[in-house]
């Protein structure tokens, strides 16, 4: 889903660029199929 805007349903949009994600309002670091939500402290996988 590279280059798509997604709404996570938690009040913020994020721009997915390859395996990386930029979360506006709370930052997320995409590592492979995983993303680490630093702002909200959640670790979850997208597969």
N, C-alpha and C. Protein backbone atom coordinates (compact mmCIF):
# COMPACT_ATOMS: atom_id res chain seq x y z
N UNK A 1 0.83 -1.21 0.00
CA UNK A 1 0.00 0.00 0.00
C UNK A 1 0.87 1.26 0.00
N UNK A 2 1.94 1.19 -0.70
CA UNK A 2 2.88 2.31 -0.70
C UNK A 2 2.25 3.56 -1.29
N UNK A 3 2.44 4.68 -0.59
CA UNK A 3 1.97 5.97 -1.09
C UNK A 3 0.50 6.23 -0.82
N UNK A 4 -0.10 5.42 0.05
CA UNK A 4 -1.52 5.61 0.34
C UNK A 4 -1.71 6.26 1.70
N UNK A 5 -2.73 7.13 1.77
CA UNK A 5 -3.11 7.69 3.07
C UNK A 5 -4.12 6.75 3.73
N UNK A 6 -3.88 6.45 4.98
CA UNK A 6 -4.79 5.58 5.71
C UNK A 6 -5.24 6.26 6.99
N UNK A 7 -6.48 5.99 7.38
CA UNK A 7 -6.97 6.48 8.66
C UNK A 7 -6.99 5.31 9.63
N UNK A 8 -6.19 5.40 10.69
CA UNK A 8 -6.09 4.31 11.65
C UNK A 8 -7.29 4.25 12.58
N UNK A 9 -8.15 5.25 12.51
CA UNK A 9 -9.32 5.26 13.37
C UNK A 9 -9.02 5.77 14.77
N UNK A 10 -7.82 6.37 14.95
CA UNK A 10 -7.46 6.89 16.26
C UNK A 10 -7.22 8.39 16.19
N UNK A 11 -7.84 9.02 15.22
CA UNK A 11 -7.79 10.48 15.15
C UNK A 11 -6.59 11.03 14.40
N UNK A 12 -5.79 10.17 13.78
CA UNK A 12 -4.67 10.69 13.00
C UNK A 12 -4.51 9.95 11.68
N UNK A 13 -4.10 10.69 10.68
CA UNK A 13 -3.79 10.12 9.37
C UNK A 13 -2.30 9.84 9.31
N UNK A 14 -1.94 8.87 8.49
CA UNK A 14 -0.53 8.61 8.30
C UNK A 14 -0.26 8.35 6.82
N UNK A 15 0.90 8.77 6.40
CA UNK A 15 1.32 8.58 5.02
C UNK A 15 2.30 7.42 4.97
N UNK A 16 1.89 6.38 4.27
CA UNK A 16 2.74 5.20 4.19
C UNK A 16 3.65 5.29 2.97
N UNK A 17 4.95 5.24 3.23
CA UNK A 17 5.93 5.36 2.16
C UNK A 17 6.81 4.11 2.19
N UNK A 18 6.54 3.18 1.31
CA UNK A 18 7.28 1.92 1.31
C UNK A 18 7.00 1.17 2.60
N UNK A 19 8.05 0.88 3.35
CA UNK A 19 7.88 0.22 4.65
C UNK A 19 7.88 1.22 5.79
N UNK A 20 7.97 2.51 5.43
CA UNK A 20 8.04 3.56 6.45
C UNK A 20 6.71 4.28 6.54
N UNK A 21 6.39 4.74 7.73
CA UNK A 21 5.14 5.47 7.92
C UNK A 21 5.39 6.73 8.73
N UNK A 22 4.78 7.82 8.27
CA UNK A 22 4.87 9.07 9.00
C UNK A 22 3.49 9.38 9.57
N UNK A 23 3.36 9.26 10.88
CA UNK A 23 2.08 9.53 11.52
C UNK A 23 2.02 10.96 12.00
N UNK A 24 1.04 11.73 11.48
CA UNK A 24 0.89 13.12 11.88
C UNK A 24 0.08 13.16 13.18
N UNK A 25 0.66 13.71 14.21
CA UNK A 25 0.01 13.74 15.52
C UNK A 25 0.63 12.70 16.44
N UNK A 26 0.89 11.52 15.95
CA UNK A 26 1.73 10.55 16.67
C UNK A 26 2.59 9.80 15.67
N UNK A 27 3.88 9.79 15.94
CA UNK A 27 4.86 9.27 14.99
C UNK A 27 4.88 7.75 15.02
N UNK A 28 5.08 7.17 13.84
CA UNK A 28 5.19 5.72 13.75
C UNK A 28 6.37 5.36 12.86
N UNK A 29 7.11 4.36 13.30
CA UNK A 29 8.24 3.90 12.52
C UNK A 29 7.92 2.53 11.94
N UNK A 30 7.85 2.45 10.63
CA UNK A 30 7.53 1.19 9.98
C UNK A 30 8.80 0.38 9.71
N UNK A 31 8.84 -0.84 10.24
CA UNK A 31 9.99 -1.72 10.02
C UNK A 31 9.47 -2.99 9.37
N UNK A 32 9.69 -3.14 8.08
CA UNK A 32 9.15 -4.29 7.36
C UNK A 32 7.63 -4.24 7.38
N UNK A 33 7.02 -5.26 7.98
CA UNK A 33 5.58 -5.28 8.12
C UNK A 33 5.14 -4.80 9.49
N UNK A 34 6.12 -4.39 10.31
CA UNK A 34 5.83 -3.94 11.68
C UNK A 34 5.87 -2.42 11.77
N UNK A 35 5.11 -1.89 12.66
CA UNK A 35 5.18 -0.46 12.92
C UNK A 35 5.13 -0.21 14.43
N UNK A 36 5.98 0.71 14.86
CA UNK A 36 6.09 1.01 16.28
C UNK A 36 5.49 2.38 16.55
N UNK A 37 4.37 2.40 17.27
CA UNK A 37 3.73 3.67 17.62
C UNK A 37 4.40 4.25 18.85
N UNK A 38 5.27 5.23 18.65
CA UNK A 38 6.02 5.82 19.75
C UNK A 38 5.13 6.75 20.58
N UNK A 39 4.33 7.54 19.90
CA UNK A 39 3.48 8.51 20.59
C UNK A 39 2.45 7.86 21.49
N UNK A 40 1.86 6.73 21.04
CA UNK A 40 0.83 6.10 21.84
C UNK A 40 1.33 4.84 22.55
N UNK A 41 2.59 4.50 22.32
CA UNK A 41 3.21 3.39 23.04
C UNK A 41 2.70 2.01 22.63
N UNK A 42 2.16 1.88 21.41
CA UNK A 42 1.66 0.59 20.96
C UNK A 42 2.60 -0.04 19.96
N UNK A 43 2.77 -1.35 20.08
CA UNK A 43 3.54 -2.11 19.11
C UNK A 43 2.59 -3.12 18.46
N UNK A 44 2.45 -3.01 17.15
CA UNK A 44 1.55 -3.92 16.47
C UNK A 44 2.07 -4.22 15.08
N UNK A 45 1.65 -5.36 14.52
CA UNK A 45 2.15 -5.79 13.21
C UNK A 45 1.08 -5.69 12.14
N UNK A 46 1.51 -5.33 10.95
CA UNK A 46 0.61 -5.31 9.80
C UNK A 46 1.08 -6.39 8.84
N UNK A 47 0.27 -7.41 8.66
CA UNK A 47 0.67 -8.50 7.78
C UNK A 47 -0.43 -8.82 6.79
